[in-house]
N, C-alpha and C. Protein backbone atom coordinates (compact mmCIF):
# COMPACT_ATOMS: atom_id res chain seq x y z
N MET A 1 -14.61 -60.59 -61.70
CA MET A 1 -15.41 -60.28 -60.52
C MET A 1 -14.69 -60.73 -59.25
N ARG A 2 -14.05 -61.85 -59.34
CA ARG A 2 -13.37 -62.37 -58.16
C ARG A 2 -12.20 -61.49 -57.74
N ARG A 3 -11.47 -60.92 -58.68
CA ARG A 3 -10.34 -60.05 -58.37
C ARG A 3 -10.78 -58.82 -57.58
N ALA A 4 -11.92 -58.30 -57.85
CA ALA A 4 -12.42 -57.12 -57.14
C ALA A 4 -12.65 -57.44 -55.66
N ILE A 5 -13.04 -58.66 -55.37
CA ILE A 5 -13.27 -59.06 -53.99
C ILE A 5 -11.95 -59.28 -53.27
N GLU A 6 -10.95 -59.86 -53.94
CA GLU A 6 -9.67 -60.15 -53.32
C GLU A 6 -8.82 -58.91 -53.10
N ALA A 7 -8.93 -57.93 -53.94
CA ALA A 7 -8.06 -56.75 -53.86
C ALA A 7 -8.20 -56.00 -52.52
N PRO A 8 -9.40 -55.70 -52.04
CA PRO A 8 -9.48 -54.99 -50.76
C PRO A 8 -8.88 -55.80 -49.60
N GLU A 9 -9.08 -57.12 -49.61
CA GLU A 9 -8.52 -57.95 -48.56
C GLU A 9 -6.99 -57.89 -48.60
N HIS A 10 -6.45 -57.94 -49.80
CA HIS A 10 -5.00 -57.86 -49.96
C HIS A 10 -4.48 -56.51 -49.49
N ASP A 11 -5.19 -55.42 -49.82
CA ASP A 11 -4.77 -54.09 -49.39
C ASP A 11 -4.80 -53.96 -47.87
N VAL A 12 -5.80 -54.54 -47.23
CA VAL A 12 -5.90 -54.48 -45.77
C VAL A 12 -4.73 -55.23 -45.15
N ARG A 13 -4.42 -56.40 -45.68
CA ARG A 13 -3.31 -57.18 -45.14
C ARG A 13 -1.98 -56.47 -45.39
N ALA A 14 -1.81 -55.88 -46.56
CA ALA A 14 -0.57 -55.15 -46.85
C ALA A 14 -0.44 -53.94 -45.94
N ASP A 15 -1.54 -53.25 -45.70
CA ASP A 15 -1.52 -52.09 -44.80
C ASP A 15 -1.17 -52.54 -43.38
N ARG A 16 -1.77 -53.63 -42.94
CA ARG A 16 -1.49 -54.17 -41.61
C ARG A 16 -0.01 -54.56 -41.49
N ASP A 17 0.50 -55.23 -42.52
CA ASP A 17 1.90 -55.63 -42.50
C ASP A 17 2.84 -54.43 -42.49
N SER A 18 2.51 -53.41 -43.25
CA SER A 18 3.38 -52.22 -43.27
C SER A 18 3.32 -51.49 -41.93
N GLN A 19 2.17 -51.45 -41.29
CA GLN A 19 2.06 -50.84 -39.97
C GLN A 19 2.89 -51.62 -38.95
N PHE A 20 2.82 -52.95 -39.02
CA PHE A 20 3.59 -53.76 -38.09
C PHE A 20 5.09 -53.61 -38.34
N GLN A 21 5.49 -53.56 -39.60
CA GLN A 21 6.91 -53.38 -39.91
C GLN A 21 7.43 -52.05 -39.38
N ALA A 22 6.62 -51.02 -39.48
CA ALA A 22 7.03 -49.72 -38.94
C ALA A 22 7.17 -49.81 -37.41
N PHE A 23 6.22 -50.46 -36.77
CA PHE A 23 6.30 -50.65 -35.32
C PHE A 23 7.55 -51.45 -34.96
N MET A 24 7.76 -52.54 -35.68
CA MET A 24 8.88 -53.42 -35.40
C MET A 24 10.22 -52.70 -35.56
N GLY A 25 10.32 -51.86 -36.57
CA GLY A 25 11.55 -51.11 -36.78
C GLY A 25 11.90 -50.21 -35.61
N GLY A 26 10.89 -49.64 -34.98
CA GLY A 26 11.14 -48.74 -33.86
C GLY A 26 11.19 -49.41 -32.51
N ALA A 27 10.61 -50.60 -32.39
CA ALA A 27 10.48 -51.21 -31.06
C ALA A 27 11.45 -52.37 -30.81
N THR A 28 12.02 -52.94 -31.83
CA THR A 28 12.84 -54.14 -31.65
C THR A 28 14.00 -53.90 -30.70
N GLN A 29 14.77 -52.84 -30.90
CA GLN A 29 15.92 -52.56 -30.03
C GLN A 29 15.49 -52.29 -28.60
N ARG A 30 14.40 -51.55 -28.43
CA ARG A 30 13.91 -51.26 -27.07
C ARG A 30 13.47 -52.53 -26.38
N LEU A 31 12.75 -53.40 -27.10
CA LEU A 31 12.32 -54.67 -26.52
C LEU A 31 13.52 -55.55 -26.18
N TYR A 32 14.52 -55.56 -27.06
CA TYR A 32 15.71 -56.36 -26.81
C TYR A 32 16.42 -55.89 -25.53
N ARG A 33 16.55 -54.58 -25.35
CA ARG A 33 17.22 -54.06 -24.15
C ARG A 33 16.48 -54.49 -22.88
N VAL A 34 15.16 -54.42 -22.93
CA VAL A 34 14.37 -54.85 -21.76
C VAL A 34 14.56 -56.35 -21.54
N ALA A 35 14.52 -57.12 -22.62
CA ALA A 35 14.70 -58.58 -22.51
C ALA A 35 16.07 -58.91 -21.95
N TYR A 36 17.10 -58.17 -22.36
CA TYR A 36 18.44 -58.43 -21.85
C TYR A 36 18.53 -58.11 -20.36
N LEU A 37 17.92 -57.02 -19.96
CA LEU A 37 17.94 -56.68 -18.54
C LEU A 37 17.18 -57.70 -17.71
N LEU A 38 16.11 -58.23 -18.25
CA LEU A 38 15.34 -59.24 -17.52
C LEU A 38 16.08 -60.57 -17.45
N SER A 39 16.70 -60.98 -18.56
CA SER A 39 17.31 -62.32 -18.62
C SER A 39 18.79 -62.33 -18.30
N GLY A 40 19.51 -61.26 -18.63
CA GLY A 40 20.95 -61.23 -18.41
C GLY A 40 21.73 -62.05 -19.42
N ASP A 41 21.09 -62.52 -20.46
CA ASP A 41 21.74 -63.36 -21.46
C ASP A 41 21.34 -62.86 -22.85
N ALA A 42 22.34 -62.57 -23.68
CA ALA A 42 22.07 -62.01 -25.02
C ALA A 42 21.25 -62.96 -25.88
N GLY A 43 21.58 -64.25 -25.85
CA GLY A 43 20.85 -65.22 -26.66
C GLY A 43 19.40 -65.35 -26.23
N GLU A 44 19.19 -65.43 -24.93
CA GLU A 44 17.82 -65.53 -24.42
C GLU A 44 17.05 -64.24 -24.71
N ALA A 45 17.74 -63.10 -24.63
CA ALA A 45 17.09 -61.82 -24.93
C ALA A 45 16.63 -61.78 -26.39
N GLU A 46 17.45 -62.30 -27.29
CA GLU A 46 17.05 -62.36 -28.70
C GLU A 46 15.83 -63.25 -28.89
N GLU A 47 15.84 -64.41 -28.23
CA GLU A 47 14.70 -65.33 -28.31
C GLU A 47 13.43 -64.68 -27.77
N LEU A 48 13.54 -64.05 -26.60
CA LEU A 48 12.39 -63.38 -26.01
C LEU A 48 11.85 -62.29 -26.94
N THR A 49 12.75 -61.52 -27.53
CA THR A 49 12.34 -60.45 -28.44
C THR A 49 11.62 -61.01 -29.66
N GLN A 50 12.17 -62.06 -30.24
CA GLN A 50 11.54 -62.66 -31.42
C GLN A 50 10.15 -63.22 -31.09
N HIS A 51 10.05 -63.95 -29.99
CA HIS A 51 8.75 -64.51 -29.60
C HIS A 51 7.75 -63.39 -29.30
N THR A 52 8.23 -62.32 -28.70
CA THR A 52 7.36 -61.18 -28.40
C THR A 52 6.83 -60.57 -29.69
N LEU A 53 7.70 -60.38 -30.67
CA LEU A 53 7.27 -59.80 -31.95
C LEU A 53 6.28 -60.71 -32.68
N VAL A 54 6.51 -62.01 -32.61
CA VAL A 54 5.58 -62.96 -33.26
C VAL A 54 4.20 -62.87 -32.60
N ARG A 55 4.17 -62.87 -31.28
CA ARG A 55 2.88 -62.80 -30.59
C ARG A 55 2.19 -61.45 -30.81
N THR A 56 2.98 -60.40 -30.88
CA THR A 56 2.40 -59.07 -31.14
C THR A 56 1.80 -59.04 -32.54
N TYR A 57 2.49 -59.63 -33.51
CA TYR A 57 1.98 -59.65 -34.88
C TYR A 57 0.66 -60.41 -34.96
N THR A 58 0.59 -61.54 -34.27
CA THR A 58 -0.66 -62.33 -34.34
C THR A 58 -1.83 -61.60 -33.70
N ALA A 59 -1.55 -60.68 -32.77
CA ALA A 59 -2.61 -59.93 -32.11
C ALA A 59 -2.77 -58.52 -32.68
N TRP A 60 -2.07 -58.21 -33.75
CA TRP A 60 -2.02 -56.85 -34.27
C TRP A 60 -3.41 -56.28 -34.57
N ASP A 61 -4.30 -57.08 -35.12
CA ASP A 61 -5.65 -56.61 -35.46
C ASP A 61 -6.47 -56.24 -34.23
N ARG A 62 -6.17 -56.84 -33.10
CA ARG A 62 -6.92 -56.57 -31.87
C ARG A 62 -6.42 -55.33 -31.13
N LEU A 63 -5.35 -54.72 -31.59
CA LEU A 63 -4.76 -53.58 -30.89
C LEU A 63 -5.34 -52.25 -31.35
N ASP A 64 -6.51 -52.24 -31.92
CA ASP A 64 -7.13 -51.02 -32.45
C ASP A 64 -6.97 -49.84 -31.50
N GLY A 65 -6.11 -48.91 -31.88
CA GLY A 65 -5.95 -47.69 -31.11
C GLY A 65 -5.16 -47.83 -29.83
N GLY A 66 -4.83 -49.06 -29.43
CA GLY A 66 -4.05 -49.25 -28.20
C GLY A 66 -2.58 -48.97 -28.45
N ASP A 67 -1.81 -49.03 -27.40
CA ASP A 67 -0.37 -48.80 -27.49
C ASP A 67 0.31 -50.14 -27.77
N PRO A 68 0.79 -50.36 -29.00
CA PRO A 68 1.38 -51.66 -29.33
C PRO A 68 2.66 -51.94 -28.55
N TYR A 69 3.43 -50.88 -28.21
CA TYR A 69 4.66 -51.11 -27.45
C TYR A 69 4.34 -51.59 -26.03
N ALA A 70 3.33 -51.02 -25.42
CA ALA A 70 2.92 -51.46 -24.08
C ALA A 70 2.44 -52.91 -24.12
N TYR A 71 1.69 -53.26 -25.16
CA TYR A 71 1.20 -54.62 -25.33
C TYR A 71 2.38 -55.58 -25.50
N ALA A 72 3.34 -55.20 -26.34
CA ALA A 72 4.51 -56.04 -26.60
C ALA A 72 5.35 -56.18 -25.32
N ARG A 73 5.50 -55.10 -24.60
CA ARG A 73 6.27 -55.14 -23.36
C ARG A 73 5.64 -56.11 -22.36
N ARG A 74 4.32 -56.08 -22.28
CA ARG A 74 3.61 -56.99 -21.37
C ARG A 74 3.83 -58.44 -21.79
N ILE A 75 3.78 -58.69 -23.10
CA ILE A 75 4.05 -60.04 -23.61
C ILE A 75 5.47 -60.45 -23.21
N LEU A 76 6.42 -59.55 -23.39
CA LEU A 76 7.81 -59.83 -23.08
C LEU A 76 7.99 -60.21 -21.61
N VAL A 77 7.41 -59.44 -20.72
CA VAL A 77 7.53 -59.73 -19.29
C VAL A 77 6.89 -61.07 -18.97
N ASN A 78 5.74 -61.36 -19.56
CA ASN A 78 5.06 -62.64 -19.31
C ASN A 78 5.87 -63.81 -19.86
N LEU A 79 6.44 -63.64 -21.07
CA LEU A 79 7.26 -64.71 -21.64
C LEU A 79 8.47 -64.98 -20.76
N HIS A 80 9.09 -63.91 -20.28
CA HIS A 80 10.25 -64.11 -19.40
C HIS A 80 9.84 -64.84 -18.13
N SER A 81 8.72 -64.49 -17.56
CA SER A 81 8.25 -65.19 -16.36
C SER A 81 8.02 -66.67 -16.64
N ASP A 82 7.41 -66.96 -17.79
CA ASP A 82 7.17 -68.36 -18.16
C ASP A 82 8.49 -69.11 -18.33
N TRP A 83 9.44 -68.51 -19.02
CA TRP A 83 10.74 -69.15 -19.25
C TRP A 83 11.47 -69.34 -17.93
N TRP A 84 11.38 -68.35 -17.06
CA TRP A 84 12.06 -68.44 -15.77
C TRP A 84 11.50 -69.59 -14.96
N ARG A 85 10.20 -69.75 -14.98
CA ARG A 85 9.59 -70.85 -14.22
C ARG A 85 10.09 -72.20 -14.72
N ARG A 86 10.27 -72.30 -16.03
CA ARG A 86 10.73 -73.57 -16.58
C ARG A 86 12.21 -73.82 -16.28
N ARG A 87 13.03 -72.80 -16.32
CA ARG A 87 14.48 -72.98 -16.19
C ARG A 87 14.97 -72.97 -14.75
N ARG A 88 14.35 -72.24 -13.88
CA ARG A 88 14.68 -72.18 -12.46
C ARG A 88 16.16 -71.90 -12.17
N LYS A 89 16.65 -70.85 -12.74
CA LYS A 89 17.99 -70.34 -12.41
C LYS A 89 19.06 -71.42 -12.35
N ARG A 90 19.35 -72.03 -13.45
CA ARG A 90 20.44 -72.99 -13.49
C ARG A 90 21.77 -72.26 -13.63
N GLU A 91 22.82 -72.85 -13.12
CA GLU A 91 24.14 -72.29 -13.33
C GLU A 91 24.53 -72.54 -14.78
N ARG A 92 25.24 -71.59 -15.34
CA ARG A 92 25.69 -71.72 -16.72
C ARG A 92 27.21 -71.68 -16.74
N PRO A 93 27.83 -72.69 -17.31
CA PRO A 93 29.29 -72.68 -17.39
C PRO A 93 29.77 -71.62 -18.38
N VAL A 94 30.91 -71.01 -18.05
CA VAL A 94 31.53 -70.04 -18.94
C VAL A 94 32.96 -70.48 -19.20
N PRO A 95 33.51 -70.12 -20.34
CA PRO A 95 34.86 -70.58 -20.66
C PRO A 95 35.92 -70.09 -19.67
N GLU A 96 35.79 -68.86 -19.18
CA GLU A 96 36.73 -68.35 -18.19
C GLU A 96 36.02 -67.33 -17.31
N VAL A 97 36.51 -67.21 -16.11
CA VAL A 97 35.92 -66.28 -15.15
C VAL A 97 36.30 -64.86 -15.56
N PRO A 98 35.32 -63.95 -15.71
CA PRO A 98 35.66 -62.58 -16.11
C PRO A 98 36.34 -61.82 -14.98
N GLU A 99 37.23 -60.91 -15.36
CA GLU A 99 37.87 -60.06 -14.37
C GLU A 99 36.88 -58.99 -13.94
N ARG A 100 36.94 -58.62 -12.67
CA ARG A 100 36.01 -57.61 -12.16
C ARG A 100 36.49 -56.21 -12.48
N THR A 101 37.70 -55.88 -12.18
CA THR A 101 38.25 -54.57 -12.52
C THR A 101 39.73 -54.70 -12.77
N ALA A 102 40.26 -53.81 -13.54
CA ALA A 102 41.70 -53.79 -13.79
C ALA A 102 42.40 -53.18 -12.58
N PRO A 103 43.57 -53.69 -12.22
CA PRO A 103 44.29 -53.11 -11.09
C PRO A 103 44.58 -51.63 -11.33
N GLY A 104 44.39 -50.84 -10.29
CA GLY A 104 44.68 -49.41 -10.38
C GLY A 104 43.57 -48.58 -10.98
N SER A 105 42.45 -49.21 -11.38
CA SER A 105 41.37 -48.42 -11.97
C SER A 105 40.55 -47.75 -10.86
N ASP A 106 39.82 -46.75 -11.24
CA ASP A 106 39.00 -46.00 -10.30
C ASP A 106 37.80 -46.84 -9.90
N PRO A 107 37.55 -47.07 -8.60
CA PRO A 107 36.41 -47.87 -8.17
C PRO A 107 35.07 -47.29 -8.65
N ALA A 108 34.98 -45.99 -8.82
CA ALA A 108 33.72 -45.40 -9.29
C ALA A 108 33.39 -45.87 -10.70
N ASP A 109 34.40 -46.15 -11.51
CA ASP A 109 34.15 -46.65 -12.88
C ASP A 109 33.47 -48.00 -12.84
N ALA A 110 33.85 -48.85 -11.88
CA ALA A 110 33.24 -50.17 -11.78
C ALA A 110 31.78 -50.07 -11.38
N VAL A 111 31.45 -49.10 -10.53
CA VAL A 111 30.06 -48.92 -10.10
C VAL A 111 29.20 -48.54 -11.29
N LEU A 112 29.74 -47.72 -12.16
CA LEU A 112 28.98 -47.24 -13.32
C LEU A 112 28.98 -48.22 -14.47
N ASP A 113 29.77 -49.23 -14.38
CA ASP A 113 29.89 -50.20 -15.46
C ASP A 113 28.56 -50.94 -15.67
N ARG A 114 28.08 -50.93 -16.87
CA ARG A 114 26.80 -51.58 -17.18
C ARG A 114 26.85 -53.08 -16.93
N THR A 115 27.98 -53.68 -17.18
CA THR A 115 28.10 -55.12 -16.96
C THR A 115 27.93 -55.45 -15.49
N SER A 116 28.53 -54.65 -14.63
CA SER A 116 28.38 -54.87 -13.20
C SER A 116 26.93 -54.74 -12.77
N LEU A 117 26.25 -53.75 -13.31
CA LEU A 117 24.84 -53.56 -12.97
C LEU A 117 24.00 -54.72 -13.48
N ALA A 118 24.26 -55.16 -14.70
CA ALA A 118 23.50 -56.29 -15.24
C ALA A 118 23.72 -57.55 -14.40
N ARG A 119 24.97 -57.78 -13.97
CA ARG A 119 25.25 -58.93 -13.10
C ARG A 119 24.53 -58.80 -11.77
N ALA A 120 24.55 -57.61 -11.21
CA ALA A 120 23.91 -57.39 -9.91
C ALA A 120 22.41 -57.61 -10.01
N ILE A 121 21.80 -57.16 -11.09
CA ILE A 121 20.36 -57.34 -11.27
C ILE A 121 20.02 -58.83 -11.35
N GLN A 122 20.93 -59.64 -11.87
CA GLN A 122 20.66 -61.07 -11.97
C GLN A 122 20.62 -61.75 -10.61
N HIS A 123 21.17 -61.12 -9.57
CA HIS A 123 21.11 -61.69 -8.23
C HIS A 123 19.74 -61.50 -7.58
N LEU A 124 18.89 -60.68 -8.18
CA LEU A 124 17.56 -60.41 -7.63
C LEU A 124 16.60 -61.53 -8.02
N SER A 125 15.50 -61.62 -7.30
CA SER A 125 14.47 -62.59 -7.68
C SER A 125 13.80 -62.12 -8.97
N ARG A 126 13.05 -62.99 -9.59
CA ARG A 126 12.37 -62.67 -10.84
C ARG A 126 11.48 -61.45 -10.68
N ARG A 127 10.69 -61.42 -9.62
CA ARG A 127 9.77 -60.31 -9.41
C ARG A 127 10.52 -59.02 -9.13
N GLU A 128 11.56 -59.09 -8.29
CA GLU A 128 12.34 -57.89 -7.98
C GLU A 128 13.00 -57.33 -9.24
N ARG A 129 13.53 -58.23 -10.06
CA ARG A 129 14.18 -57.81 -11.31
C ARG A 129 13.17 -57.14 -12.24
N ALA A 130 11.98 -57.72 -12.37
CA ALA A 130 10.95 -57.14 -13.23
C ALA A 130 10.54 -55.76 -12.72
N VAL A 131 10.40 -55.61 -11.41
CA VAL A 131 10.02 -54.32 -10.83
C VAL A 131 11.11 -53.28 -11.08
N ILE A 132 12.36 -53.64 -10.86
CA ILE A 132 13.47 -52.70 -11.08
C ILE A 132 13.55 -52.28 -12.54
N VAL A 133 13.41 -53.21 -13.45
CA VAL A 133 13.47 -52.88 -14.88
C VAL A 133 12.31 -51.95 -15.25
N CYS A 134 11.11 -52.28 -14.80
CA CYS A 134 9.96 -51.42 -15.13
C CYS A 134 10.09 -50.04 -14.50
N ARG A 135 10.46 -49.98 -13.22
CA ARG A 135 10.50 -48.70 -12.52
C ARG A 135 11.64 -47.80 -13.01
N PHE A 136 12.84 -48.35 -13.14
CA PHE A 136 13.99 -47.49 -13.36
C PHE A 136 14.54 -47.53 -14.78
N TYR A 137 14.36 -48.62 -15.51
CA TYR A 137 14.81 -48.64 -16.89
C TYR A 137 13.72 -48.11 -17.82
N LEU A 138 12.49 -48.57 -17.60
CA LEU A 138 11.38 -48.11 -18.43
C LEU A 138 10.74 -46.84 -17.88
N ASP A 139 11.19 -46.38 -16.72
CA ASP A 139 10.74 -45.14 -16.10
C ASP A 139 9.23 -45.11 -15.88
N MET A 140 8.71 -46.23 -15.37
CA MET A 140 7.28 -46.32 -15.07
C MET A 140 7.02 -45.89 -13.64
N THR A 141 5.83 -45.41 -13.38
CA THR A 141 5.43 -45.11 -12.01
C THR A 141 5.14 -46.43 -11.29
N GLU A 142 4.94 -46.34 -9.99
CA GLU A 142 4.59 -47.56 -9.24
C GLU A 142 3.27 -48.13 -9.73
N GLN A 143 2.31 -47.26 -10.01
CA GLN A 143 1.00 -47.70 -10.49
C GLN A 143 1.12 -48.37 -11.86
N GLN A 144 1.90 -47.78 -12.76
CA GLN A 144 2.09 -48.36 -14.08
C GLN A 144 2.79 -49.71 -13.98
N THR A 145 3.77 -49.79 -13.09
CA THR A 145 4.49 -51.05 -12.90
C THR A 145 3.55 -52.13 -12.38
N ALA A 146 2.70 -51.79 -11.42
CA ALA A 146 1.74 -52.75 -10.89
C ALA A 146 0.81 -53.25 -11.99
N ALA A 147 0.34 -52.33 -12.82
CA ALA A 147 -0.55 -52.72 -13.92
C ALA A 147 0.20 -53.59 -14.94
N GLU A 148 1.42 -53.22 -15.25
CA GLU A 148 2.23 -53.95 -16.24
C GLU A 148 2.49 -55.39 -15.78
N LEU A 149 2.80 -55.55 -14.50
CA LEU A 149 3.14 -56.88 -13.98
C LEU A 149 1.92 -57.64 -13.45
N GLY A 150 0.78 -56.94 -13.34
CA GLY A 150 -0.43 -57.60 -12.86
C GLY A 150 -0.37 -57.94 -11.38
N VAL A 151 0.24 -57.05 -10.60
CA VAL A 151 0.35 -57.26 -9.15
C VAL A 151 -0.19 -56.04 -8.43
N ALA A 152 -0.33 -56.16 -7.12
CA ALA A 152 -0.84 -55.05 -6.32
C ALA A 152 0.24 -53.98 -6.16
N LEU A 153 -0.19 -52.75 -5.92
CA LEU A 153 0.72 -51.62 -5.73
C LEU A 153 1.67 -51.88 -4.56
N GLY A 154 1.17 -52.45 -3.48
CA GLY A 154 2.00 -52.77 -2.33
C GLY A 154 3.09 -53.78 -2.66
N THR A 155 2.78 -54.71 -3.55
CA THR A 155 3.77 -55.69 -3.99
C THR A 155 4.91 -55.00 -4.72
N VAL A 156 4.57 -54.03 -5.57
CA VAL A 156 5.59 -53.28 -6.29
C VAL A 156 6.48 -52.52 -5.31
N LYS A 157 5.87 -51.87 -4.35
CA LYS A 157 6.63 -51.08 -3.37
C LYS A 157 7.56 -51.96 -2.55
N SER A 158 7.05 -53.08 -2.06
CA SER A 158 7.89 -53.95 -1.22
C SER A 158 8.99 -54.63 -2.04
N ALA A 159 8.66 -55.07 -3.26
CA ALA A 159 9.67 -55.71 -4.11
C ALA A 159 10.75 -54.71 -4.49
N CYS A 160 10.37 -53.48 -4.78
CA CYS A 160 11.33 -52.44 -5.12
C CYS A 160 12.24 -52.14 -3.93
N SER A 161 11.67 -52.04 -2.77
CA SER A 161 12.44 -51.77 -1.56
C SER A 161 13.45 -52.88 -1.30
N ARG A 162 13.01 -54.14 -1.38
CA ARG A 162 13.91 -55.27 -1.17
C ARG A 162 15.01 -55.29 -2.21
N ALA A 163 14.65 -55.05 -3.47
CA ALA A 163 15.63 -55.08 -4.56
C ALA A 163 16.69 -54.00 -4.38
N LEU A 164 16.26 -52.79 -4.04
CA LEU A 164 17.22 -51.70 -3.85
C LEU A 164 18.14 -51.99 -2.65
N ARG A 165 17.58 -52.58 -1.60
CA ARG A 165 18.40 -52.94 -0.44
C ARG A 165 19.46 -53.96 -0.85
N LYS A 166 19.08 -54.95 -1.65
CA LYS A 166 20.04 -55.96 -2.11
C LYS A 166 21.10 -55.34 -3.02
N LEU A 167 20.66 -54.42 -3.90
CA LEU A 167 21.62 -53.79 -4.82
C LEU A 167 22.63 -52.91 -4.07
N ARG A 168 22.20 -52.31 -2.97
CA ARG A 168 23.11 -51.46 -2.20
C ARG A 168 24.28 -52.24 -1.61
N VAL A 169 24.07 -53.51 -1.31
CA VAL A 169 25.13 -54.31 -0.70
C VAL A 169 25.72 -55.34 -1.67
N ASP A 170 25.29 -55.34 -2.91
CA ASP A 170 25.79 -56.30 -3.89
C ASP A 170 27.27 -56.07 -4.14
N PRO A 171 28.08 -57.11 -4.08
CA PRO A 171 29.52 -56.95 -4.29
C PRO A 171 29.89 -56.45 -5.69
N ASP A 172 29.06 -56.73 -6.68
CA ASP A 172 29.34 -56.23 -8.03
C ASP A 172 29.23 -54.71 -8.11
N LEU A 173 28.48 -54.11 -7.22
CA LEU A 173 28.27 -52.66 -7.25
C LEU A 173 28.96 -51.93 -6.12
N SER A 174 29.63 -52.64 -5.24
CA SER A 174 30.25 -52.02 -4.08
C SER A 174 31.60 -51.40 -4.42
N PRO A 175 31.73 -50.08 -4.29
CA PRO A 175 33.03 -49.45 -4.56
C PRO A 175 34.11 -49.95 -3.60
N LEU A 176 33.74 -50.26 -2.36
CA LEU A 176 34.70 -50.74 -1.39
C LEU A 176 35.26 -52.10 -1.82
N ALA A 177 34.41 -52.99 -2.29
CA ALA A 177 34.86 -54.30 -2.73
C ALA A 177 35.81 -54.16 -3.91
N HIS A 178 35.50 -53.29 -4.86
CA HIS A 178 36.38 -53.09 -6.01
C HIS A 178 37.70 -52.45 -5.58
N HIS A 179 37.66 -51.56 -4.61
CA HIS A 179 38.86 -50.90 -4.13
C HIS A 179 39.77 -51.92 -3.43
N GLN A 180 39.19 -52.81 -2.64
CA GLN A 180 39.98 -53.82 -1.94
C GLN A 180 40.60 -54.82 -2.91
N GLU A 181 39.86 -55.16 -3.99
CA GLU A 181 40.41 -56.07 -4.99
C GLU A 181 41.61 -55.46 -5.69
N ALA A 182 41.56 -54.16 -5.94
CA ALA A 182 42.63 -53.49 -6.68
C ALA A 182 43.91 -53.42 -5.86
N GLN A 183 43.81 -53.51 -4.55
CA GLN A 183 45.02 -53.40 -3.70
C GLN A 183 45.77 -54.69 -3.59
């Protein structure tokens, strides 16, 4: 008699786990890319992704019919904000200074270089970086970005404007700066 009672509970848990595994298989890389763009560090991006998946799993039963990727993305952005508040942009030592461009290379290649863009995004404030990632990497509207970050629409617009202004003059993205270095 007892086995009959346990079997449905086990089936529900197995079904829940298989649903989460299917979600995780499709969302892990996407979440990692967002985490990397937010943090600029591969190790921190992995940590953020893992913590996001753990929190999403614990809330899986409450997501009835909702979009689990949107929920996970929101967790990811909030976790990054929490970690950023604790760490407060410390300098990180590196074994050697990376080269910006090879001599004689086309300056347009440096502008398109993902590494240059990732470095430039790290010069933005936490809020500006989150807005840029949501608006242009995740292709969200201003309204969706405001809802995702829990801020007013005007805040999204002003943060986006400031961030784009900073990116336009960032030396990592400036073709003129790369051209002058090559000479």
